[in-house]
Amino acid sequence: MNEHDEMNVVNEREPAKSPLPLISMILGIASVVTGCCGMGMPLGVGAIVLAVLCKKQGVTNDAGYVTAGLITGIVGSVLQIILVILYFVLQIGYILFV
């Protein structure tokens, strides 16, 4: 190995980090927080889609963010579904008993 080869090894750059894992985590957290306001489902689905895309692309630099985005996206979506079901059950029950 000569001097030129050693310099190339030192100057190699790391591959660029993808912003998708962080965006997935942020959307997942936002879906849990806004689950009672009606935005839980769209944000949760977005977080799940981005997390799945990251897993398919093999993004390994931020695997924790991908996992957090997937889990919180699922939780936010399920929370929104439960709240919608409860809303309709309580509304129908109120109409029947009044």
PDB file of N, CA and C in Angstrom:
ATOM      1  N   MET A   1       0.836  -1.186   0.000  1.00  0.00           N
ATOM      2  CA  MET A   1       0.000   0.000   0.000  1.00  0.00           C
ATOM      3  C   MET A   1       0.878   1.245   0.000  1.00  0.00           C
ATOM      4  N   ASN A   2       0.601   2.150  -0.872  1.00  0.00           N
ATOM      5  CA  ASN A   2       1.373   3.385  -0.882  1.00  0.00           C
ATOM      6  C   ASN A   2       0.591   4.491  -0.179  1.00  0.00           C
ATOM      7  N   GLU A   3       1.196   5.667  -0.183  1.00  0.00           N
ATOM      8  CA  GLU A   3       0.590   6.803   0.524  1.00  0.00           C
ATOM      9  C   GLU A   3      -0.767   7.180  -0.054  1.00  0.00           C
ATOM     10  N   HIS A   4      -0.893   7.106  -1.344  1.00  0.00           N
ATOM     11  CA  HIS A   4      -2.138   7.497  -2.007  1.00  0.00           C
ATOM     12  C   HIS A   4      -3.287   6.561  -1.604  1.00  0.00           C
ATOM     13  N   ASP A   5      -3.042   5.268  -1.526  1.00  0.00           N
ATOM     14  CA  ASP A   5      -4.070   4.310  -1.115  1.00  0.00           C
ATOM     15  C   ASP A   5      -4.509   4.543   0.320  1.00  0.00           C
ATOM     16  N   GLU A   6      -3.564   4.826   1.209  1.00  0.00           N
ATOM     17  CA  GLU A   6      -3.897   5.077   2.610  1.00  0.00           C
ATOM     18  C   GLU A   6      -4.753   6.333   2.739  1.00  0.00           C
ATOM     19  N   MET A   7      -4.469   7.351   1.938  1.00  0.00           N
ATOM     20  CA  MET A   7      -5.256   8.572   1.994  1.00  0.00           C
ATOM     21  C   MET A   7      -6.691   8.322   1.545  1.00  0.00           C
ATOM     22  N   ASN A   8      -6.878   7.485   0.549  1.00  0.00           N
ATOM     23  CA  ASN A   8      -8.228   7.180   0.079  1.00  0.00           C
ATOM     24  C   ASN A   8      -9.027   6.419   1.123  1.00  0.00           C
ATOM     25  N   VAL A   9      -8.380   5.547   1.845  1.00  0.00           N
ATOM     26  CA  VAL A   9      -9.075   4.792   2.890  1.00  0.00           C
ATOM     27  C   VAL A   9      -9.520   5.733   3.998  1.00  0.00           C
ATOM     28  N   VAL A  10      -8.695   6.686   4.372  1.00  0.00           N
ATOM     29  CA  VAL A  10      -9.021   7.621   5.443  1.00  0.00           C
ATOM     30  C   VAL A  10     -10.123   8.580   5.014  1.00  0.00           C
ATOM     31  N   ASN A  11     -10.130   8.998   3.759  1.00  0.00           N
ATOM     32  CA  ASN A  11     -11.072  10.006   3.294  1.00  0.00           C
ATOM     33  C   ASN A  11     -12.415   9.437   2.827  1.00  0.00           C
ATOM     34  N   GLU A  12     -12.622   8.123   2.947  1.00  0.00           N
ATOM     35  CA  GLU A  12     -13.905   7.566   2.537  1.00  0.00           C
ATOM     36  C   GLU A  12     -15.009   8.091   3.442  1.00  0.00           C
ATOM     37  N   ARG A  13     -16.140   8.387   2.853  1.00  0.00           N
ATOM     38  CA  ARG A  13     -17.265   8.917   3.609  1.00  0.00           C
ATOM     39  C   ARG A  13     -18.215   7.798   3.991  1.00  0.00           C
ATOM     40  N   GLU A  14     -18.937   8.034   5.083  1.00  0.00           N
ATOM     41  CA  GLU A  14     -19.989   7.106   5.454  1.00  0.00           C
ATOM     42  C   GLU A  14     -21.157   7.304   4.500  1.00  0.00           C
ATOM     43  N   PRO A  15     -21.938   6.264   4.281  1.00  0.00           N
ATOM     44  CA  PRO A  15     -23.109   6.460   3.416  1.00  0.00           C
ATOM     45  C   PRO A  15     -24.078   7.459   4.042  1.00  0.00           C
ATOM     46  N   ALA A  16     -24.760   8.185   3.186  1.00  0.00           N
ATOM     47  CA  ALA A  16     -25.685   9.214   3.666  1.00  0.00           C
ATOM     48  C   ALA A  16     -26.810   8.576   4.467  1.00  0.00           C
ATOM     49  N   LYS A  17     -27.165   9.221   5.567  1.00  0.00           N
ATOM     50  CA  LYS A  17     -28.250   8.714   6.403  1.00  0.00           C
ATOM     51  C   LYS A  17     -29.585   9.126   5.794  1.00  0.00           C
ATOM     52  N   SER A  18     -30.532   8.216   5.874  1.00  0.00           N
ATOM     53  CA  SER A  18     -31.869   8.485   5.358  1.00  0.00           C
ATOM     54  C   SER A  18     -32.695   9.174   6.444  1.00  0.00           C
ATOM     55  N   PRO A  19     -33.483  10.179   6.092  1.00  0.00           N
ATOM     56  CA  PRO A  19     -34.326  10.844   7.086  1.00  0.00           C
ATOM     57  C   PRO A  19     -35.616  10.075   7.383  1.00  0.00           C
ATOM     58  N   LEU A  20     -35.897   9.011   6.621  1.00  0.00           N
ATOM     59  CA  LEU A  20     -37.160   8.294   6.768  1.00  0.00           C
ATOM     60  C   LEU A  20     -37.367   7.671   8.155  1.00  0.00           C
ATOM     61  N   PRO A  21     -36.348   7.077   8.797  1.00  0.00           N
ATOM     62  CA  PRO A  21     -36.592   6.526  10.131  1.00  0.00           C
ATOM     63  C   PRO A  21     -37.023   7.584  11.148  1.00  0.00           C
ATOM     64  N   LEU A  22     -36.386   8.734  11.109  1.00  0.00           N
ATOM     65  CA  LEU A  22     -36.744   9.803  12.045  1.00  0.00           C
ATOM     66  C   LEU A  22     -38.147  10.328  11.758  1.00  0.00           C
ATOM     67  N   ILE A  23     -38.483  10.494  10.487  1.00  0.00           N
ATOM     68  CA  ILE A  23     -39.819  10.971  10.124  1.00  0.00           C
ATOM     69  C   ILE A  23     -40.871   9.953  10.556  1.00  0.00           C
ATOM     70  N   SER A  24     -40.563   8.675  10.389  1.00  0.00           N
ATOM     71  CA  SER A  24     -41.493   7.629  10.810  1.00  0.00           C
ATOM     72  C   SER A  24     -41.746   7.690  12.313  1.00  0.00           C
ATOM     73  N   MET A  25     -40.690   7.871  13.094  1.00  0.00           N
ATOM     74  CA  MET A  25     -40.848   7.953  14.536  1.00  0.00           C
ATOM     75  C   MET A  25     -41.654   9.190  14.935  1.00  0.00           C
ATOM     76  N   ILE A  26     -41.381  10.311  14.306  1.00  0.00           N
ATOM     77  CA  ILE A  26     -42.101  11.550  14.620  1.00  0.00           C
ATOM     78  C   ILE A  26     -43.581  11.404  14.284  1.00  0.00           C
ATOM     79  N   LEU A  27     -43.892  10.824  13.126  1.00  0.00           N
ATOM     80  CA  LEU A  27     -45.289  10.613  12.759  1.00  0.00           C
ATOM     81  C   LEU A  27     -45.986   9.654  13.716  1.00  0.00           C
ATOM     82  N   GLY A  28     -45.266   8.626  14.147  1.00  0.00           N
ATOM     83  CA  GLY A  28     -45.848   7.669  15.094  1.00  0.00           C
ATOM     84  C   GLY A  28     -46.167   8.313  16.430  1.00  0.00           C
ATOM     85  N   ILE A  29     -45.249   9.104  16.939  1.00  0.00           N
ATOM     86  CA  ILE A  29     -45.488   9.793  18.216  1.00  0.00           C
ATOM     87  C   ILE A  29     -46.634  10.786  18.064  1.00  0.00           C
ATOM     88  N   ALA A  30     -46.671  11.497  16.946  1.00  0.00           N
ATOM     89  CA  ALA A  30     -47.754  12.450  16.708  1.00  0.00           C
ATOM     90  C   ALA A  30     -49.097  11.737  16.598  1.00  0.00           C
ATOM     91  N   SER A  31     -49.105  10.520  16.065  1.00  0.00           N
ATOM     92  CA  SER A  31     -50.367   9.785  15.953  1.00  0.00           C
ATOM     93  C   SER A  31     -50.895   9.376  17.317  1.00  0.00           C
ATOM     94  N   VAL A  32     -50.010   9.038  18.228  1.00  0.00           N
ATOM     95  CA  VAL A  32     -50.452   8.690  19.586  1.00  0.00           C
ATOM     96  C   VAL A  32     -50.961   9.936  20.303  1.00  0.00           C
ATOM     97  N   VAL A  33     -50.249  11.037  20.156  1.00  0.00           N
ATOM     98  CA  VAL A  33     -50.621  12.272  20.849  1.00  0.00           C
ATOM     99  C   VAL A  33     -51.937  12.835  20.308  1.00  0.00           C
ATOM    100  N   THR A  34     -52.133  12.781  19.006  1.00  0.00           N
ATOM    101  CA  THR A  34     -53.329  13.369  18.408  1.00  0.00           C
ATOM    102  C   THR A  34     -54.417  12.335  18.140  1.00  0.00           C
ATOM    103  N   GLY A  35     -54.327  11.182  18.768  1.00  0.00           N
ATOM    104  CA  GLY A  35     -55.305  10.127  18.543  1.00  0.00           C
ATOM    105  C   GLY A  35     -56.715  10.531  18.898  1.00  0.00           C
ATOM    106  N   CYS A  36     -56.885  11.361  19.906  1.00  0.00           N
ATOM    107  CA  CYS A  36     -58.231  11.771  20.317  1.00  0.00           C
ATOM    108  C   CYS A  36     -58.748  12.941  19.483  1.00  0.00           C
ATOM    109  N   CYS A  37     -57.936  13.522  18.641  1.00  0.00           N
ATOM    110  CA  CYS A  37     -58.345  14.679  17.847  1.00  0.00           C
ATOM    111  C   CYS A  37     -58.723  14.315  16.420  1.00  0.00           C
ATOM    112  N   GLY A  38     -58.645  13.061  16.059  1.00  0.00           N
ATOM    113  CA  GLY A  38     -59.006  12.637  14.719  1.00  0.00           C
ATOM    114  C   GLY A  38     -57.851  12.512  13.757  1.00  0.00           C
ATOM    115  N   MET A  39     -56.650  12.812  14.178  1.00  0.00           N
ATOM    116  CA  MET A  39     -55.494  12.724  13.286  1.00  0.00           C
ATOM    117  C   MET A  39     -54.652  11.475  13.552  1.00  0.00           C
ATOM    118  N   GLY A  40     -55.080  10.630  14.453  1.00  0.00           N
ATOM    119  CA  GLY A  40     -54.298   9.448  14.805  1.00  0.00           C
ATOM    120  C   GLY A  40     -54.157   8.460  13.665  1.00  0.00           C
ATOM    121  N   MET A  41     -55.231   8.237  12.941  1.00  0.00           N
ATOM    122  CA  MET A  41     -55.195   7.255  11.862  1.00  0.00           C
ATOM    123  C   MET A  41     -54.308   7.692  10.695  1.00  0.00           C
ATOM    124  N   PRO A  42     -54.467   8.893  10.142  1.00  0.00           N
ATOM    125  CA  PRO A  42     -53.601   9.259   9.005  1.00  0.00           C
ATOM    126  C   PRO A  42     -52.120   9.310   9.381  1.00  0.00           C
ATOM    127  N   LEU A  43     -51.821   9.852  10.541  1.00  0.00           N
ATOM    128  CA  LEU A  43     -50.412   9.927  10.962  1.00  0.00           C
ATOM    129  C   LEU A  43     -49.863   8.537  11.268  1.00  0.00           C
ATOM    130  N   GLY A  44     -50.686   7.700  11.873  1.00  0.00           N
ATOM    131  CA  GLY A  44     -50.257   6.336  12.185  1.00  0.00           C
ATOM    132  C   GLY A  44     -49.983   5.530  10.928  1.00  0.00           C
ATOM    133  N   VAL A  45     -50.856   5.657   9.947  1.00  0.00           N
ATOM    134  CA  VAL A  45     -50.655   4.944   8.683  1.00  0.00           C
ATOM    135  C   VAL A  45     -49.385   5.449   7.996  1.00  0.00           C
ATOM    136  N   GLY A  46     -49.162   6.749   8.043  1.00  0.00           N
ATOM    137  CA  GLY A  46     -47.930   7.293   7.465  1.00  0.00           C
ATOM    138  C   GLY A  46     -46.685   6.747   8.144  1.00  0.00           C
ATOM    139  N   ALA A  47     -46.729   6.651   9.467  1.00  0.00           N
ATOM    140  CA  ALA A  47     -45.589   6.111  10.213  1.00  0.00           C
ATOM    141  C   ALA A  47     -45.348   4.647   9.872  1.00  0.00           C
ATOM    142  N   ILE A  48     -46.429   3.883   9.749  1.00  0.00           N
ATOM    143  CA  ILE A  48     -46.299   2.461   9.425  1.00  0.00           C
ATOM    144  C   ILE A  48     -45.730   2.291   8.016  1.00  0.00           C
ATOM    145  N   VAL A  49     -46.228   3.065   7.063  1.00  0.00           N
ATOM    146  CA  VAL A  49     -45.752   2.959   5.680  1.00  0.00           C
ATOM    147  C   VAL A  49     -44.268   3.303   5.593  1.00  0.00           C
ATOM    148  N   LEU A  50     -43.853   4.379   6.259  1.00  0.00           N
ATOM    149  CA  LEU A  50     -42.435   4.753   6.217  1.00  0.00           C
ATOM    150  C   LEU A  50     -41.554   3.710   6.900  1.00  0.00           C
ATOM    151  N   ALA A  51     -42.032   3.141   8.003  1.00  0.00           N
ATOM    152  CA  ALA A  51     -41.249   2.117   8.690  1.00  0.00           C
ATOM    153  C   ALA A  51     -41.091   0.871   7.820  1.00  0.00           C
ATOM    154  N   VAL A  52     -42.150   0.482   7.139  1.00  0.00           N
ATOM    155  CA  VAL A  52     -42.071  -0.679   6.248  1.00  0.00           C
ATOM    156  C   VAL A  52     -41.137  -0.388   5.073  1.00  0.00           C
ATOM    157  N   LEU A  53     -41.205   0.824   4.527  1.00  0.00           N
ATOM    158  CA  LEU A  53     -40.286   1.199   3.446  1.00  0.00           C
ATOM    159  C   LEU A  53     -38.831   1.130   3.902  1.00  0.00           C
ATOM    160  N   CYS A  54     -38.576   1.611   5.120  1.00  0.00           N
ATOM    161  CA  CYS A  54     -37.206   1.564   5.649  1.00  0.00           C
ATOM    162  C   CYS A  54     -36.730   0.128   5.810  1.00  0.00           C
ATOM    163  N   LYS A  55     -37.612  -0.738   6.289  1.00  0.00           N
ATOM    164  CA  LYS A  55     -37.225  -2.142   6.461  1.00  0.00           C
ATOM    165  C   LYS A  55     -36.972  -2.813   5.110  1.00  0.00           C
ATOM    166  N   LYS A  56     -37.778  -2.476   4.104  1.00  0.00           N
ATOM    167  CA  LYS A  56     -37.579  -3.063   2.777  1.00  0.00           C
ATOM    168  C   LYS A  56     -36.311  -2.551   2.123  1.00  0.00           C
ATOM    169  N   GLN A  57     -35.968  -1.278   2.357  1.00  0.00           N
ATOM    170  CA  GLN A  57     -34.755  -0.704   1.781  1.00  0.00           C
ATOM    171  C   GLN A  57     -33.512  -1.136   2.538  1.00  0.00           C
ATOM    172  N   GLY A  58     -33.693  -1.712   3.705  1.00  0.00           N
ATOM    173  CA  GLY A  58     -32.563  -2.179   4.484  1.00  0.00           C
ATOM    174  C   GLY A  58     -31.834  -1.071   5.222  1.00  0.00           C
ATOM    175  N   VAL A  59     -32.560  -0.052   5.641  1.00  0.00           N
ATOM    176  CA  VAL A  59     -31.949   1.045   6.387  1.00  0.00           C
ATOM    177  C   VAL A  59     -31.559   0.508   7.765  1.00  0.00           C
ATOM    178  N   THR A  60     -30.263   0.486   8.029  1.00  0.00           N
ATOM    179  CA  THR A  60     -29.796  -0.077   9.297  1.00  0.00           C
ATOM    180  C   THR A  60     -29.182   0.971  10.213  1.00  0.00           C
ATOM    181  N   ASN A  61     -29.021   2.204   9.731  1.00  0.00           N
ATOM    182  CA  ASN A  61     -28.341   3.196  10.554  1.00  0.00           C
ATOM    183  C   ASN A  61     -29.187   3.648  11.738  1.00  0.00           C
ATOM    184  N   ASP A  62     -30.494   3.624  11.609  1.00  0.00           N
ATOM    185  CA  ASP A  62     -31.379   4.052  12.695  1.00  0.00           C
ATOM    186  C   ASP A  62     -32.486   3.027  12.891  1.00  0.00           C
ATOM    187  N   ALA A  63     -32.123   1.807  13.190  1.00  0.00           N
ATOM    188  CA  ALA A  63     -33.115   0.735  13.325  1.00  0.00           C
ATOM    189  C   ALA A  63     -34.046   0.986  14.506  1.00  0.00           C
ATOM    190  N   GLY A  64     -33.566   1.648  15.546  1.00  0.00           N
ATOM    191  CA  GLY A  64     -34.416   1.958  16.693  1.00  0.00           C
ATOM    192  C   GLY A  64     -35.525   2.931  16.336  1.00  0.00           C
ATOM    193  N   TYR A  65     -35.210   3.896  15.486  1.00  0.00           N
ATOM    194  CA  TYR A  65     -36.223   4.848  15.040  1.00  0.00           C
ATOM    195  C   TYR A  65     -37.294   4.146  14.199  1.00  0.00           C
ATOM    196  N   VAL A  66     -36.866   3.210  13.377  1.00  0.00           N
ATOM    197  CA  VAL A  66     -37.814   2.474  12.532  1.00  0.00           C
ATOM    198  C   VAL A  66     -38.764   1.662  13.407  1.00  0.00           C
ATOM    199  N   THR A  67     -38.199   0.970  14.392  1.00  0.00           N
ATOM    200  CA  THR A  67     -39.030   0.171  15.295  1.00  0.00           C
ATOM    201  C   THR A  67     -39.973   1.054  16.095  1.00  0.00           C
ATOM    202  N   ALA A  68     -39.476   2.169  16.590  1.00  0.00           N
ATOM    203  CA  ALA A  68     -40.327   3.091  17.354  1.00  0.00           C
ATOM    204  C   ALA A  68     -41.433   3.660  16.476  1.00  0.00           C
ATOM    205  N   GLY A  69     -41.128   4.004  15.244  1.00  0.00           N
ATOM    206  CA  GLY A  69     -42.140   4.519  14.326  1.00  0.00           C
ATOM    207  C   GLY A  69     -43.209   3.486  14.018  1.00  0.00           C
ATOM    208  N   LEU A  70     -42.789   2.240  13.842  1.00  0.00           N
ATOM    209  CA  LEU A  70     -43.742   1.177  13.555  1.00  0.00           C
ATOM    210  C   LEU A  70     -44.665   0.927  14.746  1.00  0.00           C
ATOM    211  N   ILE A  71     -44.093   0.816  15.930  1.00  0.00           N
ATOM    212  CA  ILE A  71     -44.894   0.526  17.127  1.00  0.00           C
ATOM    213  C   ILE A  71     -45.827   1.680  17.455  1.00  0.00           C
ATOM    214  N   THR A  72     -45.317   2.893  17.477  1.00  0.00           N
ATOM    215  CA  THR A  72     -46.179   4.027  17.820  1.00  0.00           C
ATOM    216  C   THR A  72     -47.214   4.295  16.736  1.00  0.00           C
ATOM    217  N   GLY A  73     -46.892   4.011  15.479  1.00  0.00           N
ATOM    218  CA  GLY A  73     -47.872   4.144  14.400  1.00  0.00           C
ATOM    219  C   GLY A  73     -49.027   3.167  14.577  1.00  0.00           C
ATOM    220  N   ILE A  74     -48.696   1.937  14.951  1.00  0.00           N
ATOM    221  CA  ILE A  74     -49.741   0.935  15.198  1.00  0.00           C
ATOM    222  C   ILE A  74     -50.584   1.335  16.392  1.00  0.00           C
ATOM    223  N   VAL A  75     -49.929   1.773  17.472  1.00  0.00           N
ATOM    224  CA  VAL A  75     -50.662   2.173  18.682  1.00  0.00           C
ATOM    225  C   VAL A  75     -51.573   3.363  18.385  1.00  0.00           C
ATOM    226  N   GLY A  76     -51.080   4.353  17.672  1.00  0.00           N
ATOM    227  CA  GLY A  76     -51.889   5.521  17.344  1.00  0.00           C
ATOM    228  C   GLY A  76     -53.081   5.175  16.468  1.00  0.00           C
ATOM    229  N   SER A  77     -52.888   4.280  15.502  1.00  0.00           N
ATOM    230  CA  SER A  77     -53.983   3.873  14.624  1.00  0.00           C
ATOM    231  C   SER A  77     -55.037   3.077  15.384  1.00  0.00           C
ATOM    232  N   VAL A  78     -54.596   2.157  16.227  1.00  0.00           N
ATOM    233  CA  VAL A  78     -55.534   1.357  17.018  1.00  0.00           C
ATOM    234  C   VAL A  78     -56.286   2.244  18.004  1.00  0.00           C
ATOM    235  N   LEU A  79     -55.600   3.192  18.609  1.00  0.00           N
ATOM    236  CA  LEU A  79     -56.255   4.123  19.529  1.00  0.00           C
ATOM    237  C   LEU A  79     -57.344   4.907  18.808  1.00  0.00           C
ATOM    238  N   GLN A  80     -57.068   5.368  17.608  1.00  0.00           N
ATOM    239  CA  GLN A  80     -58.058   6.109  16.831  1.00  0.00           C
ATOM    240  C   GLN A  80     -59.264   5.233  16.504  1.00  0.00           C
ATOM    241  N   ILE A  81     -59.028   3.987  16.112  1.00  0.00           N
ATOM    242  CA  ILE A  81     -60.128   3.067  15.799  1.00  0.00           C
ATOM    243  C   ILE A  81     -60.990   2.818  17.030  1.00  0.00           C
ATOM    244  N   ILE A  82     -60.356   2.598  18.179  1.00  0.00           N
ATOM    245  CA  ILE A  82     -61.103   2.365  19.422  1.00  0.00           C
ATOM    246  C   ILE A  82     -61.941   3.581  19.778  1.00  0.00           C
ATOM    247  N   LEU A  83     -61.384   4.760  19.643  1.00  0.00           N
ATOM    248  CA  LEU A  83     -62.136   5.967  19.982  1.00  0.00           C
ATOM    249  C   LEU A  83     -63.313   6.190  19.035  1.00  0.00           C
ATOM    250  N   VAL A  84     -63.142   5.869  17.766  1.00  0.00           N
ATOM    251  CA  VAL A  84     -64.254   6.010  16.815  1.00  0.00           C
ATOM    252  C   VAL A  84     -65.355   5.012  17.147  1.00  0.00           C
ATOM    253  N   ILE A  85     -64.994   3.779  17.453  1.00  0.00           N
ATOM    254  CA  ILE A  85     -65.986   2.773  17.828  1.00  0.00           C
ATOM    255  C   ILE A  85     -66.722   3.195  19.090  1.00  0.00           C
ATOM    256  N   LEU A  86     -65.985   3.665  20.090  1.00  0.00           N
ATOM    257  CA  LEU A  86     -66.624   4.126  21.325  1.00  0.00           C
ATOM    258  C   LEU A  86     -67.552   5.301  21.071  1.00  0.00           C
ATOM    259  N   TYR A  87     -67.166   6.180  20.194  1.00  0.00           N
ATOM    260  CA  TYR A  87     -68.011   7.329  19.878  1.00  0.00           C
ATOM    261  C   TYR A  87     -69.350   6.875  19.311  1.00  0.00           C
ATOM    262  N   PHE A  88     -69.296   5.950  18.337  1.00  0.00           N
ATOM    263  CA  PHE A  88     -70.542   5.488  17.736  1.00  0.00           C
ATOM    264  C   PHE A  88     -71.373   4.653  18.706  1.00  0.00           C
ATOM    265  N   VAL A  89     -70.744   3.844  19.526  1.00  0.00           N
ATOM    266  CA  VAL A  89     -71.478   3.046  20.507  1.00  0.00           C
ATOM    267  C   VAL A  89     -72.166   3.957  21.507  1.00  0.00           C
ATOM    268  N   LEU A  90     -71.474   4.975  21.984  1.00  0.00           N
ATOM    269  CA  LEU A  90     -72.080   5.878  22.954  1.00  0.00           C
ATOM    270  C   LEU A  90     -73.170   6.737  22.323  1.00  0.00           C
ATOM    271  N   GLN A  91     -72.994   7.131  21.083  1.00  0.00           N
ATOM    272  CA  GLN A  91     -74.026   7.925  20.408  1.00  0.00           C
ATOM    273  C   GLN A  91     -75.283   7.099  20.156  1.00  0.00           C
ATOM    274  N   ILE A  92     -75.120   5.879  19.717  1.00  0.00           N
ATOM    275  CA  ILE A  92     -76.272   5.025  19.474  1.00  0.00           C
ATOM    276  C   ILE A  92     -76.965   4.692  20.778  1.00  0.00           C
ATOM    277  N   GLY A  93     -76.186   4.423  21.824  1.00  0.00           N
ATOM    278  CA  GLY A  93     -76.779   4.145  23.127  1.00  0.00           C
ATOM    279  C   GLY A  93     -77.532   5.349  23.663  1.00  0.00           C
ATOM    280  N   TYR A  94     -77.034   6.529  23.430  1.00  0.00           N
ATOM    281  CA  TYR A  94     -77.709   7.749  23.894  1.00  0.00           C
ATOM    282  C   TYR A  94     -79.027   7.939  23.149  1.00  0.00           C
ATOM    283  N   ILE A  95     -79.034   7.663  21.844  1.00  0.00           N
ATOM    284  CA  ILE A  95     -80.255   7.831  21.055  1.00  0.00           C
ATOM    285  C   ILE A  95     -81.307   6.801  21.460  1.00  0.00           C
ATOM    286  N   LEU A  96     -80.906   5.573  21.734  1.00  0.00           N
ATOM    287  CA  LEU A  96     -81.864   4.516  22.066  1.00  0.00           C
ATOM    288  C   LEU A  96     -82.503   4.727  23.441  1.00  0.00           C
ATOM    289  N   PHE A  97     -81.771   5.264  24.373  1.00  0.00           N
ATOM    290  CA  PHE A  97     -82.290   5.369  25.741  1.00  0.00           C
ATOM    291  C   PHE A  97     -82.857   6.731  26.088  1.00  0.00           C
ATOM    292  N   VAL A  98     -82.926   7.646  25.156  1.00  0.00           N
ATOM    293  CA  VAL A  98     -83.485   8.962  25.461  1.00  0.00           C
ATOM    294  C   VAL A  98     -84.896   9.073  24.982  1.00  0.00           C
TER     295      VAL A  98
END
